Amino acid sequence: MAPVKNIIFDLGGVLLNLGVAKTRDAFIKLGLTQIDDLFRIGHAHGFFRDYEIGTISDEEFVEKARQLCHPGTSDSQVIDAWNIMLLDFPAERVQLLKQLKTKYQLFLFSNTNAIHLQAFSKSYRQVYGAALDDLFEKAYYSHVINQRKPDVPAFEYVIKDSNIDAAETLFIDDALVNVEGARQAGLQAVHLTDGKTILDLGL
């Protein structure tokens, strides 16, 4: 196995704490009871997937979600339910990234969407007074590159665009399906299991 020169991090569940159950509960209260079929860790289907790969707009996503909710549900209620899963960026993880940046090229690859990007970017800046993307050589967001994990072509896009050697690159994600996709693309990969954080990896 080649020495690691680059590290690609997932965002939610790895750097950013997530409370996906909060969003699930909020949508169910709004009447969107099929949320488990549309969205869960490592999986997105239907218009949730379309939104993650940037083929529908913020307005279209919110409208499609609102149509599945109780009559009278507002756009802001949908957005609040969607964003409630976004929790905090623990300081010790941010500090570790700053330390790792002196030894490795760091990249971010996240399955996300425009509404979440705006929300977590704002929360990071409010706490740390800087842009989240400044921690990385480059950040790759699925809705911007129109591809998402675990699809092998998505990993290949990141590898080519960042001009890195897959064999010398470690990928870290909390969804096993994404780790498997990364390995198929030639990356070294670690599955961050429940209860573990990046501080437990001995990087």
N, C-alpha and C. Protein backbone atom coordinates (compact mmCIF):
# COMPACT_ATOMS: atom_id res chain seq x y z
N MET A 1 0.84 -1.19 0.00
CA MET A 1 0.00 0.00 0.00
C MET A 1 0.89 1.25 0.00
N ALA A 2 0.61 2.16 -0.92
CA ALA A 2 1.45 3.36 -1.07
C ALA A 2 1.28 4.28 0.13
N PRO A 3 2.32 5.03 0.47
CA PRO A 3 2.20 6.02 1.55
C PRO A 3 1.14 7.07 1.19
N VAL A 4 0.40 7.50 2.20
CA VAL A 4 -0.66 8.48 1.96
C VAL A 4 -0.08 9.89 1.85
N LYS A 5 -0.44 10.57 0.76
CA LYS A 5 -0.02 11.96 0.56
C LYS A 5 -1.21 12.92 0.56
N ASN A 6 -2.40 12.34 0.34
CA ASN A 6 -3.62 13.16 0.24
C ASN A 6 -4.72 12.51 1.06
N ILE A 7 -5.60 13.33 1.62
CA ILE A 7 -6.76 12.80 2.36
C ILE A 7 -8.01 13.52 1.86
N ILE A 8 -9.01 12.73 1.49
CA ILE A 8 -10.31 13.27 1.10
C ILE A 8 -11.30 12.97 2.23
N PHE A 9 -11.90 14.00 2.78
CA PHE A 9 -12.86 13.85 3.87
C PHE A 9 -14.29 13.99 3.37
N ASP A 10 -15.15 13.14 3.88
CA ASP A 10 -16.59 13.38 3.83
C ASP A 10 -16.88 14.51 4.81
N LEU A 11 -18.05 15.12 4.69
CA LEU A 11 -18.40 16.22 5.60
C LEU A 11 -19.32 15.76 6.73
N GLY A 12 -20.59 15.50 6.40
CA GLY A 12 -21.55 15.15 7.43
C GLY A 12 -21.27 13.83 8.09
N GLY A 13 -21.19 13.82 9.41
CA GLY A 13 -20.91 12.61 10.16
C GLY A 13 -19.43 12.36 10.35
N VAL A 14 -18.60 13.15 9.66
CA VAL A 14 -17.14 13.02 9.77
C VAL A 14 -16.54 14.30 10.33
N LEU A 15 -16.85 15.43 9.72
CA LEU A 15 -16.38 16.73 10.22
C LEU A 15 -17.51 17.49 10.91
N LEU A 16 -18.67 17.43 10.31
CA LEU A 16 -19.86 18.10 10.84
C LEU A 16 -20.76 17.07 11.50
N ASN A 17 -21.12 17.31 12.75
CA ASN A 17 -22.07 16.42 13.42
C ASN A 17 -23.44 16.57 12.77
N LEU A 18 -24.09 15.43 12.59
CA LEU A 18 -25.41 15.41 11.98
C LEU A 18 -26.44 14.82 12.94
N GLY A 19 -27.66 15.32 12.82
CA GLY A 19 -28.79 14.74 13.54
C GLY A 19 -29.88 14.41 12.53
N VAL A 20 -29.60 13.41 11.70
CA VAL A 20 -30.53 13.07 10.62
C VAL A 20 -31.91 12.71 11.17
N ALA A 21 -31.95 12.11 12.36
CA ALA A 21 -33.23 11.76 12.96
C ALA A 21 -34.08 13.00 13.24
N LYS A 22 -33.42 14.13 13.49
CA LYS A 22 -34.16 15.38 13.72
C LYS A 22 -34.92 15.80 12.46
N THR A 23 -34.25 15.69 11.31
CA THR A 23 -34.91 16.02 10.05
C THR A 23 -36.01 15.01 9.74
N ARG A 24 -35.73 13.74 9.99
CA ARG A 24 -36.74 12.71 9.77
C ARG A 24 -37.99 13.01 10.58
N ASP A 25 -37.82 13.28 11.87
CA ASP A 25 -38.96 13.56 12.75
C ASP A 25 -39.71 14.82 12.33
N ALA A 26 -38.94 15.84 11.93
CA ALA A 26 -39.56 17.11 11.53
C ALA A 26 -40.41 16.94 10.28
N PHE A 27 -39.90 16.18 9.32
CA PHE A 27 -40.67 15.96 8.09
C PHE A 27 -41.91 15.11 8.36
N ILE A 28 -41.78 14.10 9.20
CA ILE A 28 -42.93 13.27 9.53
C ILE A 28 -44.03 14.11 10.18
N LYS A 29 -43.63 15.03 11.06
CA LYS A 29 -44.61 15.93 11.70
C LYS A 29 -45.29 16.82 10.67
N LEU A 30 -44.55 17.15 9.61
CA LEU A 30 -45.14 17.99 8.55
C LEU A 30 -45.98 17.17 7.58
N GLY A 31 -45.96 15.84 7.73
CA GLY A 31 -46.77 14.98 6.88
C GLY A 31 -46.01 14.26 5.79
N LEU A 32 -44.69 14.52 5.69
CA LEU A 32 -43.87 13.82 4.69
C LEU A 32 -43.41 12.50 5.31
N THR A 33 -44.33 11.53 5.31
CA THR A 33 -44.10 10.29 6.06
C THR A 33 -43.17 9.31 5.32
N GLN A 34 -42.98 9.50 4.01
CA GLN A 34 -42.12 8.58 3.26
C GLN A 34 -40.67 9.04 3.22
N ILE A 35 -40.26 9.85 4.19
CA ILE A 35 -38.91 10.39 4.21
C ILE A 35 -37.84 9.29 4.21
N ASP A 36 -38.09 8.19 4.88
CA ASP A 36 -37.09 7.11 4.92
C ASP A 36 -36.84 6.51 3.55
N ASP A 37 -37.85 6.54 2.68
CA ASP A 37 -37.68 6.03 1.32
C ASP A 37 -36.91 7.00 0.44
N LEU A 38 -36.95 8.28 0.82
CA LEU A 38 -36.33 9.32 -0.01
C LEU A 38 -34.93 9.70 0.44
N PHE A 39 -34.68 9.63 1.75
CA PHE A 39 -33.40 10.13 2.25
C PHE A 39 -33.00 9.45 3.55
N ARG A 40 -31.76 8.95 3.58
CA ARG A 40 -31.14 8.47 4.79
C ARG A 40 -29.63 8.46 4.55
N ILE A 41 -28.86 8.21 5.58
CA ILE A 41 -27.40 8.28 5.46
C ILE A 41 -26.90 7.37 4.33
N GLY A 42 -26.18 7.96 3.40
CA GLY A 42 -25.61 7.20 2.29
C GLY A 42 -26.56 6.95 1.14
N HIS A 43 -27.82 7.39 1.26
CA HIS A 43 -28.80 7.12 0.22
C HIS A 43 -29.70 8.34 0.01
N ALA A 44 -29.98 8.61 -1.27
CA ALA A 44 -30.96 9.63 -1.63
C ALA A 44 -31.68 9.14 -2.87
N HIS A 45 -32.99 9.29 -2.90
CA HIS A 45 -33.79 8.78 -4.01
C HIS A 45 -34.75 9.85 -4.49
N GLY A 46 -35.27 9.65 -5.69
CA GLY A 46 -36.25 10.58 -6.24
C GLY A 46 -35.72 12.00 -6.31
N PHE A 47 -36.57 12.95 -5.94
CA PHE A 47 -36.15 14.35 -6.07
C PHE A 47 -35.09 14.74 -5.04
N PHE A 48 -34.91 13.96 -3.97
CA PHE A 48 -33.81 14.22 -3.04
C PHE A 48 -32.48 13.95 -3.75
N ARG A 49 -32.41 12.88 -4.51
CA ARG A 49 -31.21 12.59 -5.29
C ARG A 49 -31.00 13.66 -6.36
N ASP A 50 -32.07 14.03 -7.04
CA ASP A 50 -31.97 15.06 -8.07
C ASP A 50 -31.39 16.35 -7.49
N TYR A 51 -31.81 16.66 -6.29
CA TYR A 51 -31.33 17.89 -5.64
C TYR A 51 -29.86 17.77 -5.27
N GLU A 52 -29.44 16.59 -4.83
CA GLU A 52 -28.03 16.38 -4.46
C GLU A 52 -27.10 16.44 -5.65
N ILE A 53 -27.61 16.16 -6.85
CA ILE A 53 -26.73 16.25 -8.03
C ILE A 53 -27.03 17.51 -8.85
N GLY A 54 -27.79 18.41 -8.26
CA GLY A 54 -27.97 19.74 -8.85
C GLY A 54 -28.81 19.79 -10.10
N THR A 55 -29.70 18.81 -10.31
CA THR A 55 -30.53 18.85 -11.52
C THR A 55 -31.88 19.52 -11.29
N ILE A 56 -32.19 19.85 -10.04
CA ILE A 56 -33.36 20.68 -9.76
C ILE A 56 -32.92 21.83 -8.85
N SER A 57 -33.67 22.90 -8.90
CA SER A 57 -33.33 24.11 -8.14
C SER A 57 -33.78 24.01 -6.69
N ASP A 58 -33.33 24.97 -5.88
CA ASP A 58 -33.79 25.05 -4.49
C ASP A 58 -35.31 25.13 -4.45
N GLU A 59 -35.86 25.99 -5.31
CA GLU A 59 -37.30 26.21 -5.31
C GLU A 59 -38.06 24.94 -5.70
N GLU A 60 -37.54 24.22 -6.67
CA GLU A 60 -38.20 22.98 -7.09
C GLU A 60 -38.14 21.93 -5.99
N PHE A 61 -36.99 21.83 -5.31
CA PHE A 61 -36.87 20.88 -4.22
C PHE A 61 -37.87 21.19 -3.11
N VAL A 62 -37.90 22.44 -2.70
CA VAL A 62 -38.80 22.84 -1.61
C VAL A 62 -40.26 22.60 -2.01
N GLU A 63 -40.61 22.93 -3.24
CA GLU A 63 -41.99 22.76 -3.70
C GLU A 63 -42.37 21.27 -3.74
N LYS A 64 -41.47 20.43 -4.23
CA LYS A 64 -41.77 18.99 -4.29
C LYS A 64 -41.94 18.41 -2.88
N ALA A 65 -41.10 18.87 -1.94
CA ALA A 65 -41.22 18.40 -0.56
C ALA A 65 -42.52 18.91 0.06
N ARG A 66 -42.82 20.18 -0.20
CA ARG A 66 -44.02 20.80 0.39
C ARG A 66 -45.29 20.11 -0.09
N GLN A 67 -45.30 19.66 -1.34
CA GLN A 67 -46.47 18.98 -1.89
C GLN A 67 -46.75 17.65 -1.19
N LEU A 68 -45.72 17.07 -0.57
CA LEU A 68 -45.90 15.81 0.15
C LEU A 68 -46.24 16.03 1.63
N CYS A 69 -46.24 17.28 2.04
CA CYS A 69 -46.54 17.63 3.44
C CYS A 69 -48.02 17.97 3.60
N HIS A 70 -48.41 18.22 4.85
CA HIS A 70 -49.79 18.61 5.12
C HIS A 70 -50.13 19.90 4.38
N PRO A 71 -51.37 20.05 3.93
CA PRO A 71 -51.78 21.30 3.31
C PRO A 71 -51.49 22.49 4.24
N GLY A 72 -51.01 23.57 3.68
CA GLY A 72 -50.71 24.75 4.48
C GLY A 72 -49.27 24.82 4.96
N THR A 73 -48.50 23.77 4.73
CA THR A 73 -47.08 23.79 5.10
C THR A 73 -46.37 24.86 4.28
N SER A 74 -45.55 25.66 4.93
CA SER A 74 -44.86 26.76 4.25
C SER A 74 -43.48 26.33 3.76
N ASP A 75 -42.95 27.12 2.83
CA ASP A 75 -41.59 26.88 2.34
C ASP A 75 -40.59 26.93 3.49
N SER A 76 -40.76 27.88 4.38
CA SER A 76 -39.81 28.04 5.48
C SER A 76 -39.86 26.85 6.43
N GLN A 77 -41.01 26.25 6.61
CA GLN A 77 -41.11 25.05 7.45
C GLN A 77 -40.35 23.89 6.82
N VAL A 78 -40.44 23.76 5.51
CA VAL A 78 -39.70 22.71 4.80
C VAL A 78 -38.20 22.93 4.94
N ILE A 79 -37.77 24.16 4.73
CA ILE A 79 -36.34 24.48 4.83
C ILE A 79 -35.83 24.26 6.25
N ASP A 80 -36.61 24.66 7.23
CA ASP A 80 -36.20 24.45 8.63
C ASP A 80 -36.08 22.97 8.95
N ALA A 81 -37.03 22.17 8.46
CA ALA A 81 -36.98 20.72 8.70
C ALA A 81 -35.76 20.11 8.03
N TRP A 82 -35.43 20.58 6.85
CA TRP A 82 -34.29 20.08 6.09
C TRP A 82 -32.97 20.44 6.78
N ASN A 83 -32.91 21.64 7.32
CA ASN A 83 -31.66 22.13 7.92
C ASN A 83 -31.44 21.69 9.37
N ILE A 84 -32.47 21.19 10.04
CA ILE A 84 -32.34 20.91 11.47
C ILE A 84 -31.33 19.79 11.74
N MET A 85 -31.01 18.99 10.71
CA MET A 85 -30.02 17.93 10.90
C MET A 85 -28.60 18.46 11.05
N LEU A 86 -28.34 19.69 10.61
CA LEU A 86 -26.99 20.25 10.62
C LEU A 86 -26.66 20.76 12.02
N LEU A 87 -25.72 20.10 12.66
CA LEU A 87 -25.38 20.43 14.05
C LEU A 87 -24.11 21.28 14.12
N ASP A 88 -23.03 20.78 14.70
CA ASP A 88 -21.85 21.61 14.95
C ASP A 88 -20.59 21.01 14.33
N PHE A 89 -19.58 21.88 14.21
CA PHE A 89 -18.23 21.47 13.81
C PHE A 89 -17.38 21.46 15.07
N PRO A 90 -17.12 20.29 15.68
CA PRO A 90 -16.33 20.25 16.91
C PRO A 90 -14.93 20.85 16.71
N ALA A 91 -14.52 21.66 17.67
CA ALA A 91 -13.25 22.38 17.56
C ALA A 91 -12.06 21.44 17.40
N GLU A 92 -12.11 20.27 18.06
CA GLU A 92 -10.97 19.37 17.98
C GLU A 92 -10.80 18.79 16.57
N ARG A 93 -11.89 18.66 15.84
CA ARG A 93 -11.79 18.17 14.46
C ARG A 93 -11.20 19.25 13.55
N VAL A 94 -11.62 20.47 13.76
CA VAL A 94 -11.08 21.59 12.97
C VAL A 94 -9.60 21.75 13.25
N GLN A 95 -9.21 21.64 14.51
CA GLN A 95 -7.80 21.75 14.86
C GLN A 95 -6.99 20.63 14.23
N LEU A 96 -7.53 19.40 14.21
CA LEU A 96 -6.83 18.29 13.59
C LEU A 96 -6.61 18.54 12.10
N LEU A 97 -7.62 19.07 11.43
CA LEU A 97 -7.46 19.37 10.01
C LEU A 97 -6.35 20.38 9.78
N LYS A 98 -6.28 21.38 10.63
CA LYS A 98 -5.23 22.40 10.48
C LYS A 98 -3.85 21.77 10.66
N GLN A 99 -3.74 20.81 11.57
CA GLN A 99 -2.48 20.11 11.76
C GLN A 99 -2.16 19.21 10.56
N LEU A 100 -3.16 18.49 10.08
CA LEU A 100 -2.95 17.58 8.96
C LEU A 100 -2.58 18.34 7.68
N LYS A 101 -3.05 19.56 7.58
CA LYS A 101 -2.79 20.36 6.38
C LYS A 101 -1.30 20.64 6.21
N THR A 102 -0.52 20.53 7.28
CA THR A 102 0.92 20.76 7.18
C THR A 102 1.64 19.53 6.64
N LYS A 103 0.94 18.38 6.60
CA LYS A 103 1.58 17.13 6.15
C LYS A 103 0.95 16.53 4.89
N TYR A 104 -0.30 16.84 4.65
CA TYR A 104 -1.02 16.24 3.53
C TYR A 104 -1.77 17.31 2.73
N GLN A 105 -2.10 16.95 1.48
CA GLN A 105 -3.08 17.75 0.75
C GLN A 105 -4.46 17.27 1.20
N LEU A 106 -5.30 18.19 1.63
CA LEU A 106 -6.63 17.83 2.12
C LEU A 106 -7.70 18.28 1.13
N PHE A 107 -8.70 17.41 0.95
CA PHE A 107 -9.82 17.70 0.07
C PHE A 107 -11.12 17.33 0.78
N LEU A 108 -12.21 17.90 0.32
CA LEU A 108 -13.54 17.61 0.85
C LEU A 108 -14.40 17.11 -0.29
N PHE A 109 -15.15 16.03 -0.05
CA PHE A 109 -16.10 15.53 -1.05
C PHE A 109 -17.39 15.19 -0.31
N SER A 110 -18.42 15.99 -0.55
CA SER A 110 -19.67 15.86 0.19
C SER A 110 -20.86 15.71 -0.74
N ASN A 111 -21.72 14.75 -0.44
CA ASN A 111 -23.05 14.70 -1.05
C ASN A 111 -23.90 15.71 -0.30
N THR A 112 -24.20 16.82 -0.95
CA THR A 112 -24.95 17.85 -0.26
C THR A 112 -25.81 18.61 -1.26
N ASN A 113 -26.21 19.81 -0.92
CA ASN A 113 -27.14 20.58 -1.73
C ASN A 113 -27.00 22.04 -1.39
N ALA A 114 -27.58 22.89 -2.20
CA ALA A 114 -27.36 24.34 -2.05
C ALA A 114 -27.89 24.89 -0.72
N ILE A 115 -29.04 24.41 -0.28
CA ILE A 115 -29.61 24.92 0.98
C ILE A 115 -28.71 24.54 2.15
N HIS A 116 -28.25 23.30 2.19
CA HIS A 116 -27.35 22.88 3.26
C HIS A 116 -26.01 23.58 3.19
N LEU A 117 -25.47 23.73 1.99
CA LEU A 117 -24.17 24.40 1.84
C LEU A 117 -24.22 25.81 2.42
N GLN A 118 -25.26 26.53 2.11
CA GLN A 118 -25.40 27.89 2.64
C GLN A 118 -25.48 27.86 4.17
N ALA A 119 -26.23 26.92 4.71
CA ALA A 119 -26.44 26.86 6.16
C ALA A 119 -25.19 26.47 6.91
N PHE A 120 -24.51 25.39 6.49
CA PHE A 120 -23.33 24.96 7.27
C PHE A 120 -22.13 25.87 7.03
N SER A 121 -22.07 26.50 5.86
CA SER A 121 -20.98 27.46 5.62
C SER A 121 -21.14 28.66 6.55
N LYS A 122 -22.37 29.11 6.71
CA LYS A 122 -22.65 30.24 7.60
C LYS A 122 -22.34 29.89 9.04
N SER A 123 -22.74 28.70 9.49
CA SER A 123 -22.50 28.32 10.89
C SER A 123 -21.01 28.16 11.16
N TYR A 124 -20.26 27.62 10.20
CA TYR A 124 -18.81 27.48 10.39
C TYR A 124 -18.16 28.86 10.50
N ARG A 125 -18.53 29.76 9.62
CA ARG A 125 -17.93 31.10 9.64
C ARG A 125 -18.27 31.84 10.94
N GLN A 126 -19.49 31.66 11.43
CA GLN A 126 -19.88 32.32 12.67
C GLN A 126 -19.03 31.86 13.85
N VAL A 127 -18.66 30.60 13.87
CA VAL A 127 -17.88 30.05 14.98
C VAL A 127 -16.38 30.31 14.80
N TYR A 128 -15.88 30.11 13.58
CA TYR A 128 -14.43 30.11 13.37
C TYR A 128 -13.91 31.34 12.63
N GLY A 129 -14.81 32.20 12.17
CA GLY A 129 -14.39 33.44 11.55
C GLY A 129 -13.64 33.26 10.24
N ALA A 130 -13.87 32.14 9.57
CA ALA A 130 -13.20 31.86 8.30
C ALA A 130 -14.12 30.99 7.45
N ALA A 131 -13.73 30.78 6.20
CA ALA A 131 -14.52 29.94 5.31
C ALA A 131 -14.14 28.47 5.51
N LEU A 132 -15.13 27.62 5.54
CA LEU A 132 -14.89 26.18 5.68
C LEU A 132 -13.95 25.68 4.59
N ASP A 133 -14.14 26.14 3.36
CA ASP A 133 -13.34 25.65 2.23
C ASP A 133 -11.85 25.97 2.39
N ASP A 134 -11.52 26.94 3.24
CA ASP A 134 -10.12 27.30 3.45
C ASP A 134 -9.31 26.17 4.09
N LEU A 135 -9.99 25.20 4.68
CA LEU A 135 -9.30 24.07 5.30
C LEU A 135 -8.75 23.10 4.25
N PHE A 136 -9.18 23.26 3.00
CA PHE A 136 -8.88 22.26 1.98
C PHE A 136 -8.22 22.89 0.75
N GLU A 137 -7.51 22.02 0.01
CA GLU A 137 -7.01 22.45 -1.29
C GLU A 137 -8.19 22.78 -2.19
N LYS A 138 -9.22 21.93 -2.10
CA LYS A 138 -10.45 22.17 -2.86
C LYS A 138 -11.57 21.37 -2.23
N ALA A 139 -12.77 21.92 -2.26
CA ALA A 139 -13.96 21.23 -1.76
C ALA A 139 -14.84 20.86 -2.94
N TYR A 140 -15.31 19.62 -2.94
CA TYR A 140 -16.18 19.12 -4.00
C TYR A 140 -17.56 18.83 -3.41
N TYR A 141 -18.57 19.51 -3.94
CA TYR A 141 -19.94 19.33 -3.49
C TYR A 141 -20.76 18.71 -4.62
N SER A 142 -21.51 17.66 -4.29
CA SER A 142 -22.19 16.87 -5.31
C SER A 142 -23.09 17.72 -6.22
N HIS A 143 -23.80 18.68 -5.63
CA HIS A 143 -24.72 19.47 -6.45
C HIS A 143 -23.99 20.44 -7.38
N VAL A 144 -22.71 20.70 -7.10
CA VAL A 144 -21.90 21.59 -7.95
C VAL A 144 -21.27 20.80 -9.09
N ILE A 145 -20.76 19.60 -8.78
CA ILE A 145 -20.11 18.79 -9.83
C ILE A 145 -21.11 17.86 -10.53
N ASN A 146 -22.37 17.88 -10.09
CA ASN A 146 -23.45 17.10 -10.70
C ASN A 146 -23.20 15.59 -10.65
N GLN A 147 -22.48 15.16 -9.62
CA GLN A 147 -22.22 13.74 -9.40
C GLN A 147 -22.17 13.51 -7.90
N ARG A 148 -22.47 12.28 -7.48
CA ARG A 148 -22.49 12.01 -6.06
C ARG A 148 -21.87 10.66 -5.75
N LYS A 149 -21.40 10.54 -4.51
CA LYS A 149 -20.96 9.25 -4.00
C LYS A 149 -22.19 8.34 -3.85
N PRO A 150 -22.07 7.05 -4.01
CA PRO A 150 -20.85 6.25 -4.16
C PRO A 150 -20.46 5.96 -5.60
N ASP A 151 -21.00 6.71 -6.55
CA ASP A 151 -20.75 6.42 -7.97
C ASP A 151 -19.26 6.55 -8.27
N VAL A 152 -18.68 5.52 -8.86
CA VAL A 152 -17.24 5.52 -9.18
C VAL A 152 -16.86 6.70 -10.05
N PRO A 153 -17.65 7.07 -11.09
CA PRO A 153 -17.27 8.24 -11.90
C PRO A 153 -17.15 9.52 -11.09
N ALA A 154 -17.91 9.63 -9.99
CA ALA A 154 -17.80 10.82 -9.15
C ALA A 154 -16.44 10.88 -8.48
N PHE A 155 -15.98 9.74 -7.97
CA PHE A 155 -14.64 9.69 -7.37
C PHE A 155 -13.58 9.94 -8.43
N GLU A 156 -13.77 9.38 -9.60
CA GLU A 156 -12.79 9.57 -10.67
C GLU A 156 -12.71 11.04 -11.08
N TYR A 157 -13.83 11.72 -11.05
CA TYR A 157 -13.83 13.15 -11.34
C TYR A 157 -12.98 13.92 -10.34
N VAL A 158 -13.17 13.63 -9.06
CA VAL A 158 -12.41 14.31 -8.00
C VAL A 158 -10.92 14.01 -8.14
N ILE A 159 -10.59 12.76 -8.39
CA ILE A 159 -9.18 12.36 -8.55
C ILE A 159 -8.53 13.11 -9.70
N LYS A 160 -9.22 13.14 -10.84
CA LYS A 160 -8.66 13.81 -12.02
C LYS A 160 -8.58 15.31 -11.82
N ASP A 161 -9.65 15.91 -11.32
CA ASP A 161 -9.68 17.36 -11.17
C ASP A 161 -8.63 17.86 -10.17
N SER A 162 -8.41 17.09 -9.12
CA SER A 162 -7.46 17.50 -8.09
C SER A 162 -6.02 17.09 -8.42
N ASN A 163 -5.87 16.32 -9.50
CA ASN A 163 -4.55 15.90 -9.98
C ASN A 163 -3.78 15.14 -8.91
N ILE A 164 -4.46 14.17 -8.29
CA ILE A 164 -3.84 13.34 -7.26
C ILE A 164 -3.77 11.90 -7.73
N ASP A 165 -2.90 11.15 -7.10
CA ASP A 165 -2.77 9.71 -7.36
C ASP A 165 -3.70 8.98 -6.40
N ALA A 166 -4.67 8.26 -6.95
CA ALA A 166 -5.65 7.56 -6.11
C ALA A 166 -4.97 6.63 -5.11
N ALA A 167 -3.91 5.95 -5.54
CA ALA A 167 -3.23 4.98 -4.67
C ALA A 167 -2.57 5.65 -3.47
N GLU A 168 -2.28 6.94 -3.58
CA GLU A 168 -1.63 7.69 -2.50
C GLU A 168 -2.63 8.53 -1.71
N THR A 169 -3.92 8.22 -1.88
CA THR A 169 -4.97 9.06 -1.30
C THR A 169 -5.89 8.25 -0.40
N LEU A 170 -6.14 8.78 0.79
CA LEU A 170 -7.04 8.16 1.77
C LEU A 170 -8.37 8.89 1.75
N PHE A 171 -9.45 8.11 1.68
CA PHE A 171 -10.80 8.66 1.73
C PHE A 171 -11.46 8.21 3.02
N ILE A 172 -12.14 9.13 3.70
CA ILE A 172 -12.79 8.83 4.99
C ILE A 172 -14.26 9.21 4.92
N ASP A 173 -15.14 8.27 5.24
CA ASP A 173 -16.58 8.50 5.15
C ASP A 173 -17.28 7.65 6.21
N ASP A 174 -18.44 8.10 6.67
CA ASP A 174 -19.20 7.33 7.65
C ASP A 174 -20.23 6.41 7.02
N ALA A 175 -20.37 6.46 5.69
CA ALA A 175 -21.31 5.57 4.99
C ALA A 175 -20.52 4.50 4.26
N LEU A 176 -20.74 3.24 4.61
CA LEU A 176 -19.98 2.13 4.04
C LEU A 176 -20.11 2.08 2.52
N VAL A 177 -21.29 2.38 2.00
CA VAL A 177 -21.50 2.32 0.55
C VAL A 177 -20.56 3.29 -0.16
N ASN A 178 -20.27 4.44 0.47
CA ASN A 178 -19.36 5.41 -0.14
C ASN A 178 -17.91 4.92 -0.08
N VAL A 179 -17.57 4.27 1.02
CA VAL A 179 -16.22 3.71 1.17
C VAL A 179 -15.99 2.64 0.11
N GLU A 180 -16.99 1.82 -0.13
CA GLU A 180 -16.86 0.78 -1.15
C GLU A 180 -16.69 1.38 -2.54
N GLY A 181 -17.42 2.46 -2.82
CA GLY A 181 -17.28 3.14 -4.10
C GLY A 181 -15.89 3.73 -4.27
N ALA A 182 -15.36 4.30 -3.19
CA ALA A 182 -14.02 4.88 -3.23
C ALA A 182 -12.97 3.82 -3.54
N ARG A 183 -13.11 2.67 -2.92
CA ARG A 183 -12.14 1.59 -3.15
C ARG A 183 -12.21 1.11 -4.59
N GLN A 184 -13.40 1.07 -5.16
CA GLN A 184 -13.53 0.67 -6.56
C GLN A 184 -12.83 1.66 -7.49
N ALA A 185 -12.74 2.91 -7.04
CA ALA A 185 -12.06 3.95 -7.82
C ALA A 185 -10.56 3.97 -7.57
N GLY A 186 -10.07 3.06 -6.73
CA GLY A 186 -8.64 2.95 -6.50
C GLY A 186 -8.10 3.68 -5.30
N LEU A 187 -8.98 4.29 -4.53
CA LEU A 187 -8.57 5.02 -3.33
C LEU A 187 -8.38 4.08 -2.15
N GLN A 188 -7.48 4.41 -1.25
CA GLN A 188 -7.48 3.80 0.07
C GLN A 188 -8.67 4.41 0.81
N ALA A 189 -9.36 3.64 1.60
CA ALA A 189 -10.57 4.18 2.22
C ALA A 189 -10.81 3.59 3.60
N VAL A 190 -11.34 4.43 4.49
CA VAL A 190 -11.66 4.04 5.85
C VAL A 190 -13.12 4.34 6.14
N HIS A 191 -13.81 3.36 6.69
CA HIS A 191 -15.19 3.55 7.12
C HIS A 191 -15.19 4.01 8.58
N LEU A 192 -15.66 5.22 8.81
CA LEU A 192 -15.74 5.75 10.17
C LEU A 192 -17.04 5.24 10.79
N THR A 193 -16.92 4.23 11.64
CA THR A 193 -18.10 3.56 12.19
C THR A 193 -18.70 4.34 13.35
N ASP A 194 -19.91 3.97 13.72
CA ASP A 194 -20.62 4.65 14.81
C ASP A 194 -19.78 4.73 16.08
N GLY A 195 -19.77 5.89 16.69
CA GLY A 195 -19.05 6.08 17.93
C GLY A 195 -17.60 6.50 17.75
N LYS A 196 -17.11 6.43 16.51
CA LYS A 196 -15.74 6.82 16.22
C LYS A 196 -15.71 8.22 15.61
N THR A 197 -14.60 8.93 15.82
CA THR A 197 -14.40 10.20 15.15
C THR A 197 -13.04 10.16 14.46
N ILE A 198 -12.75 11.17 13.68
CA ILE A 198 -11.46 11.20 12.97
C ILE A 198 -10.30 11.26 13.96
N LEU A 199 -10.55 11.66 15.18
CA LEU A 199 -9.48 11.70 16.18
C LEU A 199 -9.05 10.28 16.60
N ASP A 200 -9.91 9.31 16.34
CA ASP A 200 -9.61 7.92 16.69
C ASP A 200 -8.80 7.19 15.63
N LEU A 201 -8.55 7.86 14.49
CA LEU A 201 -7.89 7.18 13.38
C LEU A 201 -6.37 7.23 13.44
N GLY A 202 -5.82 8.03 14.35
CA GLY A 202 -4.38 8.10 14.48
C GLY A 202 -3.69 8.76 13.29
N LEU A 203 -4.35 9.71 12.68
CA LEU A 203 -3.79 10.41 11.51
C LEU A 203 -2.63 11.30 11.90
